[in-house]
Amino acid sequence: MAEQKGHPDPKQPGPPRQARPGGRSKRSKWRRLARYVYIRFIRLRSHPQAIARGLAAGVFAGSYPLFGLQTFIGIAIAAAIRGNKIVAAAGTWISNPLTYVPIYAFNYEVGRRVLGQSVEVGLTNRSPQEWMSLGVDITIALLVGSTIVGAGLAIISYYGGLHLAHNLKSGRHKVMKSHNNRR
């Protein structure tokens, strides 16, 4: 059979498709990661209350501007209140490079208002010397605001995490029962 150039024989298999570098598409990698995290969460051997306490501890620690220490603080708090340490570490992810600025700006504003600091203690239009003189005031306002906001978020995440953990655990039991009944 004579083939014309540029027109391969449709009955013959074509050249193998080129794989993307790394093997899989980015979307499928993210999908696999999300599924893995979901399955790991479902298989947690903790009680729903321990999962919720761990989440609350992690979210509380994640609201502080202590980069690099948030995970350790979240795990320590979770250990102290008998929460799930893995979920606590994951809960600290509320502060990440995308959320640092909005979270800490909000925390600072809350702390500034609670402490009664004037608007003149704002962060804009300052020289480096003024920044240095305001360092203690800004730090205290940020830490007070982080404590208040962190406590509020911890309460919300505890009840939200408790609800989610109960629903996922009961859904897992239903799936396990239906799987066992098929055998």
Protein backbone atom coordinates (compact mmCIF):
# COMPACT_ATOMS: atom_id res chain seq x y z
CA MET A 1 0.00 0.00 0.00
CA ALA A 2 1.36 3.28 -1.04
CA GLU A 3 0.86 6.10 1.39
CA GLN A 4 0.82 9.70 0.44
CA LYS A 5 2.97 11.97 2.47
CA GLY A 6 0.96 13.61 5.27
CA HIS A 7 -1.96 11.15 4.92
CA PRO A 8 -1.35 8.10 7.13
CA ASP A 9 -3.31 4.94 6.60
CA PRO A 10 -6.36 5.16 8.94
CA LYS A 11 -6.21 1.42 9.59
CA GLN A 12 -2.69 1.59 10.95
CA PRO A 13 -2.07 2.84 14.49
CA GLY A 14 -0.52 6.27 14.58
CA PRO A 15 2.56 7.27 16.47
CA PRO A 16 2.23 7.08 20.25
CA ARG A 17 0.83 10.20 21.86
CA GLN A 18 3.37 12.28 23.66
CA ALA A 19 2.86 12.24 27.42
CA ARG A 20 2.96 15.48 29.34
CA PRO A 21 6.12 16.02 31.33
CA GLY A 22 5.43 14.44 34.71
CA GLY A 23 2.89 11.99 33.31
CA ARG A 24 -0.50 13.41 34.28
CA SER A 25 -2.34 16.64 33.80
CA LYS A 26 -2.29 19.22 36.57
CA ARG A 27 -6.05 18.92 37.01
CA SER A 28 -5.87 15.18 37.56
CA LYS A 29 -3.03 15.64 40.07
CA TRP A 30 -5.12 18.15 42.06
CA ARG A 31 -8.12 15.83 41.82
CA ARG A 32 -6.06 12.91 43.11
CA LEU A 33 -4.67 15.05 45.94
CA ALA A 34 -8.16 16.21 46.95
CA ARG A 35 -9.42 12.62 46.90
CA TYR A 36 -6.43 11.47 48.96
CA VAL A 37 -7.03 14.18 51.59
CA TYR A 38 -10.75 13.33 51.67
CA ILE A 39 -10.05 9.60 52.13
CA ARG A 40 -7.48 10.32 54.84
CA PHE A 41 -10.03 12.50 56.64
CA ILE A 42 -12.69 9.80 56.38
CA ARG A 43 -10.32 7.19 57.76
CA LEU A 44 -9.27 9.22 60.80
CA ARG A 45 -9.64 7.00 63.81
CA SER A 46 -10.50 9.90 66.11
CA HIS A 47 -13.89 10.73 67.52
CA PRO A 48 -15.69 13.64 65.84
CA GLN A 49 -15.13 15.76 68.97
CA ALA A 50 -11.36 15.17 68.82
CA ILE A 51 -11.32 16.08 65.13
CA ALA A 52 -13.27 19.27 65.84
CA ARG A 53 -10.97 20.19 68.76
CA GLY A 54 -7.95 19.67 66.53
CA LEU A 55 -9.43 21.86 63.81
CA ALA A 56 -10.24 24.60 66.32
CA ALA A 57 -6.70 24.45 67.74
CA GLY A 58 -5.17 24.71 64.28
CA VAL A 59 -7.38 27.58 63.18
CA PHE A 60 -6.65 29.45 66.41
CA ALA A 61 -2.89 29.00 65.97
CA GLY A 62 -3.14 29.89 62.28
CA SER A 63 -4.58 33.30 63.09
CA TYR A 64 -1.30 34.41 64.73
CA PRO A 65 1.47 36.05 62.71
CA LEU A 66 4.09 33.57 63.91
CA PHE A 67 5.31 32.22 60.58
CA GLY A 68 6.91 28.83 60.88
CA LEU A 69 5.62 28.27 64.41
CA GLN A 70 1.89 28.09 63.71
CA THR A 71 1.90 24.35 63.01
CA PHE A 72 3.89 23.56 66.15
CA ILE A 73 1.63 25.79 68.26
CA GLY A 74 -1.50 24.22 66.75
CA ILE A 75 -0.23 20.70 67.45
CA ALA A 76 0.74 21.67 71.03
CA ILE A 77 -2.70 23.16 71.67
CA ALA A 78 -4.36 20.08 70.15
CA ALA A 79 -2.30 17.81 72.40
CA ALA A 80 -3.27 19.87 75.45
CA ILE A 81 -7.01 19.71 74.67
CA ARG A 82 -6.91 16.11 73.34
CA GLY A 83 -7.61 17.12 69.76
CA ASN A 84 -6.48 15.44 66.57
CA LYS A 85 -2.96 16.66 65.82
CA ILE A 86 -3.10 16.00 62.07
CA VAL A 87 -6.25 18.06 61.70
CA ALA A 88 -4.67 20.78 63.86
CA ALA A 89 -1.71 20.98 61.50
CA ALA A 90 -4.09 21.24 58.54
CA GLY A 91 -6.17 23.89 60.34
CA THR A 92 -3.19 26.24 60.46
CA TRP A 93 -3.40 26.48 56.67
CA ILE A 94 -6.00 29.24 56.99
CA SER A 95 -3.00 31.54 56.93
CA ASN A 96 -1.06 30.99 53.76
CA PRO A 97 0.64 33.31 51.29
CA LEU A 98 -2.73 34.22 49.75
CA THR A 99 -4.42 35.07 53.05
CA TYR A 100 -1.61 36.57 55.17
CA VAL A 101 -2.28 40.19 54.33
CA PRO A 102 -6.08 40.22 54.69
CA ILE A 103 -6.08 38.15 57.89
CA TYR A 104 -3.37 40.16 59.64
CA ALA A 105 -4.71 43.52 58.47
CA PHE A 106 -8.12 42.54 59.90
CA ASN A 107 -6.54 41.25 63.12
CA TYR A 108 -4.58 44.47 63.49
CA GLU A 109 -7.72 46.59 63.00
CA VAL A 110 -9.62 44.57 65.61
CA GLY A 111 -6.75 44.88 68.10
CA ARG A 112 -6.32 48.59 67.42
CA ARG A 113 -10.01 49.25 68.06
CA VAL A 114 -10.16 47.08 71.18
CA LEU A 115 -7.12 48.85 72.62
CA GLY A 116 -8.56 52.23 71.71
CA GLN A 117 -5.61 53.23 69.57
CA SER A 118 -6.30 56.24 67.40
CA VAL A 119 -6.47 56.07 63.64
CA GLU A 120 -3.18 57.99 63.67
CA VAL A 121 -1.51 54.69 64.55
CA GLY A 122 -2.42 53.55 61.03
CA LEU A 123 0.19 51.83 58.91
CA THR A 124 0.20 54.06 55.84
CA ASN A 125 2.24 57.19 55.06
CA ARG A 126 4.93 56.46 57.64
CA SER A 127 8.67 56.99 57.48
CA PRO A 128 10.96 54.15 58.57
CA GLN A 129 11.74 56.02 61.82
CA GLU A 130 8.02 56.30 62.60
CA TRP A 131 7.59 52.60 61.86
CA MET A 132 10.29 51.76 64.38
CA SER A 133 8.68 53.92 67.07
CA LEU A 134 5.30 52.29 66.44
CA GLY A 135 6.68 48.75 66.54
CA VAL A 136 5.46 47.91 70.03
CA ASP A 137 2.01 49.48 69.51
CA ILE A 138 1.52 47.64 66.22
CA THR A 139 2.73 44.34 67.64
CA ILE A 140 0.46 44.53 70.69
CA ALA A 141 -2.55 45.51 68.55
CA LEU A 142 -1.83 42.65 66.14
CA LEU A 143 -1.47 40.07 68.93
CA VAL A 144 -4.62 41.25 70.75
CA GLY A 145 -6.57 41.22 67.48
CA SER A 146 -5.18 37.79 66.56
CA THR A 147 -6.29 36.41 69.93
CA ILE A 148 -9.82 37.78 69.59
CA VAL A 149 -10.24 36.81 65.93
CA GLY A 150 -8.57 33.43 66.54
CA ALA A 151 -10.91 32.65 69.43
CA GLY A 152 -13.95 33.52 67.33
CA LEU A 153 -12.73 31.47 64.37
CA ALA A 154 -11.85 28.57 66.68
CA ILE A 155 -15.41 28.46 68.04
CA ILE A 156 -16.88 28.59 64.54
CA SER A 157 -14.46 25.97 63.21
CA TYR A 158 -15.13 23.69 66.20
CA TYR A 159 -18.86 23.54 65.56
CA GLY A 160 -18.42 23.45 61.78
CA GLY A 161 -15.80 20.71 62.08
CA LEU A 162 -17.97 18.77 64.52
CA HIS A 163 -20.90 18.89 62.10
CA LEU A 164 -18.68 17.90 59.16
CA ALA A 165 -16.98 15.08 61.08
CA HIS A 166 -20.33 13.65 62.22
CA ASN A 167 -21.70 13.76 58.68
CA LEU A 168 -18.61 12.22 57.12
CA LYS A 169 -18.33 9.52 59.77
CA SER A 170 -22.01 8.56 59.45
CA GLY A 171 -21.66 8.55 55.67
CA ARG A 172 -18.63 6.30 55.97
CA HIS A 173 -20.53 3.84 58.14
CA LYS A 174 -23.36 3.72 55.59
CA VAL A 175 -20.90 3.04 52.80
CA MET A 176 -19.10 0.38 54.86
CA LYS A 177 -22.39 -1.33 55.78
CA SER A 178 -23.60 -1.40 52.19
CA HIS A 179 -20.20 -2.70 51.06
CA ASN A 180 -20.25 -5.47 53.70
CA ASN A 181 -23.84 -6.46 52.82
CA ARG A 182 -22.81 -7.15 49.21
CA ARG A 183 -20.34 -9.83 50.24
